[in-house]
Amino acid sequence: MATGFDVNRSRVSDDALAEFLSKPVEEDIISVPGIGEKAAAILGTATDDDPAIETTFQLIGKFLSLKGKGMSSKEHCDAMWFYLQAKGINSYRAGIVHSIAERTNIMMPGIYESSD
């Protein structure tokens, strides 16, 4: 069983990732490769400890909020992967993390290094 983020476990196609990265960020969270109706519903459910994530912007914000001081890209992506796991996202976790990391890296170059 996988323990943490591994880009090689992403089931998001290269075409889907390229399309997501080539367009402006859309509000609709389902525009993120790997997120369907079920994952959107899970993320959109608030808990006492965690607010609902209903938009792509909020998901990017969550990713950025997990970037701790001195964290490597691998540690950062692991944090997001484990966050999604804790929320109950059981499919496409690696693809979701990879898509958000690559998208964020376009906006903030250097935040994600795929070789890290």
C-alpha atoms as a PDB file:
ATOM      1  CA  MET A   1       0.000   0.000   0.000  1.00  0.00           C
ATOM      2  CA  ALA A   2       1.289   3.434  -0.922  1.00  0.00           C
ATOM      3  CA  THR A   3       2.391   5.659   1.888  1.00  0.00           C
ATOM      4  CA  GLY A   4       2.493   9.193   0.663  1.00  0.00           C
ATOM      5  CA  PHE A   5       2.663  10.927  -2.680  1.00  0.00           C
ATOM      6  CA  ASP A   6       4.216   9.140  -5.654  1.00  0.00           C
ATOM      7  CA  VAL A   7       3.810  10.898  -8.994  1.00  0.00           C
ATOM      8  CA  ASN A   8       4.178   7.530 -10.729  1.00  0.00           C
ATOM      9  CA  ARG A   9       0.936   6.365  -9.103  1.00  0.00           C
ATOM     10  CA  SER A  10      -1.066   9.165 -10.730  1.00  0.00           C
ATOM     11  CA  ARG A  11      -3.850   7.830 -12.928  1.00  0.00           C
ATOM     12  CA  VAL A  12      -4.533  11.251 -14.450  1.00  0.00           C
ATOM     13  CA  SER A  13      -3.718  11.119 -18.147  1.00  0.00           C
ATOM     14  CA  ASP A  14      -1.060  13.364 -19.620  1.00  0.00           C
ATOM     15  CA  ASP A  15      -3.730  14.917 -21.853  1.00  0.00           C
ATOM     16  CA  ALA A  16      -6.040  15.720 -18.918  1.00  0.00           C
ATOM     17  CA  LEU A  17      -3.155  17.257 -16.966  1.00  0.00           C
ATOM     18  CA  ALA A  18      -1.985  19.285 -19.976  1.00  0.00           C
ATOM     19  CA  GLU A  19      -5.512  20.604 -20.568  1.00  0.00           C
ATOM     20  CA  PHE A  20      -5.878  21.596 -16.889  1.00  0.00           C
ATOM     21  CA  LEU A  21      -2.521  23.377 -16.914  1.00  0.00           C
ATOM     22  CA  SER A  22      -3.141  25.196 -20.193  1.00  0.00           C
ATOM     23  CA  LYS A  23      -6.377  26.903 -19.114  1.00  0.00           C
ATOM     24  CA  PRO A  24      -7.057  29.588 -16.528  1.00  0.00           C
ATOM     25  CA  VAL A  25      -7.997  28.174 -13.123  1.00  0.00           C
ATOM     26  CA  GLU A  26     -11.720  27.459 -12.990  1.00  0.00           C
ATOM     27  CA  GLU A  27     -13.776  27.857  -9.829  1.00  0.00           C
ATOM     28  CA  ASP A  28     -15.482  24.488 -10.319  1.00  0.00           C
ATOM     29  CA  ILE A  29     -13.494  21.955  -8.288  1.00  0.00           C
ATOM     30  CA  ILE A  30     -14.464  19.227 -10.748  1.00  0.00           C
ATOM     31  CA  SER A  31     -12.181  20.942 -13.264  1.00  0.00           C
ATOM     32  CA  VAL A  32      -9.240  19.487 -11.283  1.00  0.00           C
ATOM     33  CA  PRO A  33      -8.144  16.189 -12.836  1.00  0.00           C
ATOM     34  CA  GLY A  34      -9.033  13.317 -10.533  1.00  0.00           C
ATOM     35  CA  ILE A  35     -11.919  15.067  -8.814  1.00  0.00           C
ATOM     36  CA  GLY A  36     -15.371  13.838  -9.700  1.00  0.00           C
ATOM     37  CA  GLU A  37     -18.749  14.305  -8.084  1.00  0.00           C
ATOM     38  CA  LYS A  38     -17.974  11.945  -5.180  1.00  0.00           C
ATOM     39  CA  ALA A  39     -14.646  13.582  -4.306  1.00  0.00           C
ATOM     40  CA  ALA A  40     -16.204  17.042  -4.661  1.00  0.00           C
ATOM     41  CA  ALA A  41     -18.933  16.053  -2.197  1.00  0.00           C
ATOM     42  CA  ILE A  42     -16.368  14.703   0.281  1.00  0.00           C
ATOM     43  CA  LEU A  43     -14.201  17.818   0.064  1.00  0.00           C
ATOM     44  CA  GLY A  44     -17.281  20.025   0.249  1.00  0.00           C
ATOM     45  CA  THR A  45     -18.247  18.626   3.647  1.00  0.00           C
ATOM     46  CA  ALA A  46     -17.017  20.690   6.579  1.00  0.00           C
ATOM     47  CA  THR A  47     -15.991  19.119   9.869  1.00  0.00           C
ATOM     48  CA  ASP A  48     -15.279  20.645  13.264  1.00  0.00           C
ATOM     49  CA  ASP A  49     -11.575  20.631  12.405  1.00  0.00           C
ATOM     50  CA  ASP A  50     -11.669  21.464   8.719  1.00  0.00           C
ATOM     51  CA  PRO A  51     -13.744  23.844   6.585  1.00  0.00           C
ATOM     52  CA  ALA A  52     -15.400  22.714   3.372  1.00  0.00           C
ATOM     53  CA  ILE A  53     -13.384  22.960   0.169  1.00  0.00           C
ATOM     54  CA  GLU A  54     -15.828  23.784  -2.600  1.00  0.00           C
ATOM     55  CA  THR A  55     -13.676  25.484  -5.243  1.00  0.00           C
ATOM     56  CA  THR A  56     -10.404  24.947  -7.043  1.00  0.00           C
ATOM     57  CA  PHE A  57      -9.153  28.147  -5.425  1.00  0.00           C
ATOM     58  CA  GLN A  58      -9.820  26.746  -1.948  1.00  0.00           C
ATOM     59  CA  LEU A  59      -8.060  23.490  -2.877  1.00  0.00           C
ATOM     60  CA  ILE A  60      -5.020  25.432  -4.071  1.00  0.00           C
ATOM     61  CA  GLY A  61      -5.193  27.436  -0.831  1.00  0.00           C
ATOM     62  CA  LYS A  62      -5.203  24.226   1.187  1.00  0.00           C
ATOM     63  CA  PHE A  63      -2.174  22.997  -0.745  1.00  0.00           C
ATOM     64  CA  LEU A  64      -0.351  26.255  -0.070  1.00  0.00           C
ATOM     65  CA  SER A  65      -1.329  26.204   3.612  1.00  0.00           C
ATOM     66  CA  LEU A  66       0.382  22.828   4.014  1.00  0.00           C
ATOM     67  CA  LYS A  67       3.746  24.195   2.799  1.00  0.00           C
ATOM     68  CA  GLY A  68       5.774  24.420   5.989  1.00  0.00           C
ATOM     69  CA  LYS A  69       9.051  26.233   6.440  1.00  0.00           C
ATOM     70  CA  GLY A  70      11.947  24.286   4.948  1.00  0.00           C
ATOM     71  CA  MET A  71       9.703  21.557   3.486  1.00  0.00           C
ATOM     72  CA  SER A  72      10.856  19.739   0.384  1.00  0.00           C
ATOM     73  CA  SER A  73       8.452  19.305  -2.518  1.00  0.00           C
ATOM     74  CA  LYS A  74       8.093  15.628  -1.568  1.00  0.00           C
ATOM     75  CA  GLU A  75       7.198  16.490   2.031  1.00  0.00           C
ATOM     76  CA  HIS A  76       4.750  19.140   0.831  1.00  0.00           C
ATOM     77  CA  CYS A  77       3.052  16.759  -1.595  1.00  0.00           C
ATOM     78  CA  ASP A  78       2.994  14.039   1.082  1.00  0.00           C
ATOM     79  CA  ALA A  79       1.189  16.464   3.393  1.00  0.00           C
ATOM     80  CA  MET A  80      -1.471  17.096   0.740  1.00  0.00           C
ATOM     81  CA  TRP A  81      -1.754  13.375  -0.070  1.00  0.00           C
ATOM     82  CA  PHE A  82      -2.271  12.502   3.598  1.00  0.00           C
ATOM     83  CA  TYR A  83      -4.764  15.377   3.974  1.00  0.00           C
ATOM     84  CA  LEU A  84      -6.825  13.964   1.094  1.00  0.00           C
ATOM     85  CA  GLN A  85      -6.563  10.493   2.593  1.00  0.00           C
ATOM     86  CA  ALA A  86      -7.794  11.761   5.969  1.00  0.00           C
ATOM     87  CA  LYS A  87     -10.734  13.490   4.253  1.00  0.00           C
ATOM     88  CA  GLY A  88     -11.737  10.162   2.689  1.00  0.00           C
ATOM     89  CA  ILE A  89     -10.514  10.646  -0.866  1.00  0.00           C
ATOM     90  CA  ASN A  90      -9.613   7.088  -1.844  1.00  0.00           C
ATOM     91  CA  SER A  91      -9.122   7.398  -5.595  1.00  0.00           C
ATOM     92  CA  TYR A  92      -6.868   9.602  -7.682  1.00  0.00           C
ATOM     93  CA  ARG A  93      -5.072  11.128  -4.666  1.00  0.00           C
ATOM     94  CA  ALA A  94      -1.711  11.150  -6.446  1.00  0.00           C
ATOM     95  CA  GLY A  95      -3.286  12.652  -9.563  1.00  0.00           C
ATOM     96  CA  ILE A  96      -5.062  15.368  -7.622  1.00  0.00           C
ATOM     97  CA  VAL A  97      -1.883  16.289  -5.744  1.00  0.00           C
ATOM     98  CA  HIS A  98       0.197  16.246  -8.940  1.00  0.00           C
ATOM     99  CA  SER A  99      -2.340  18.403 -10.795  1.00  0.00           C
ATOM    100  CA  ILE A 100      -2.551  20.996  -8.008  1.00  0.00           C
ATOM    101  CA  ALA A 101       1.228  21.011  -7.482  1.00  0.00           C
ATOM    102  CA  GLU A 102       1.921  21.557 -11.192  1.00  0.00           C
ATOM    103  CA  ARG A 103      -0.801  24.230 -11.453  1.00  0.00           C
ATOM    104  CA  THR A 104       0.537  26.038  -8.402  1.00  0.00           C
ATOM    105  CA  ASN A 105       4.080  25.839  -9.763  1.00  0.00           C
ATOM    106  CA  ILE A 106       2.947  27.739 -12.867  1.00  0.00           C
ATOM    107  CA  MET A 107       1.620  30.512 -10.635  1.00  0.00           C
ATOM    108  CA  MET A 108       4.532  30.364  -8.152  1.00  0.00           C
ATOM    109  CA  PRO A 109       7.584  28.908  -9.911  1.00  0.00           C
ATOM    110  CA  GLY A 110       9.741  26.786  -7.650  1.00  0.00           C
ATOM    111  CA  ILE A 111       7.046  25.677  -5.205  1.00  0.00           C
ATOM    112  CA  TYR A 112       7.019  22.203  -6.779  1.00  0.00           C
ATOM    113  CA  GLU A 113      10.010  20.307  -8.085  1.00  0.00           C
ATOM    114  CA  SER A 114       8.976  16.982  -9.578  1.00  0.00           C
ATOM    115  CA  SER A 115      12.472  15.538  -9.085  1.00  0.00           C
ATOM    116  CA  ASP A 116      12.489  16.367  -5.344  1.00  0.00           C
END
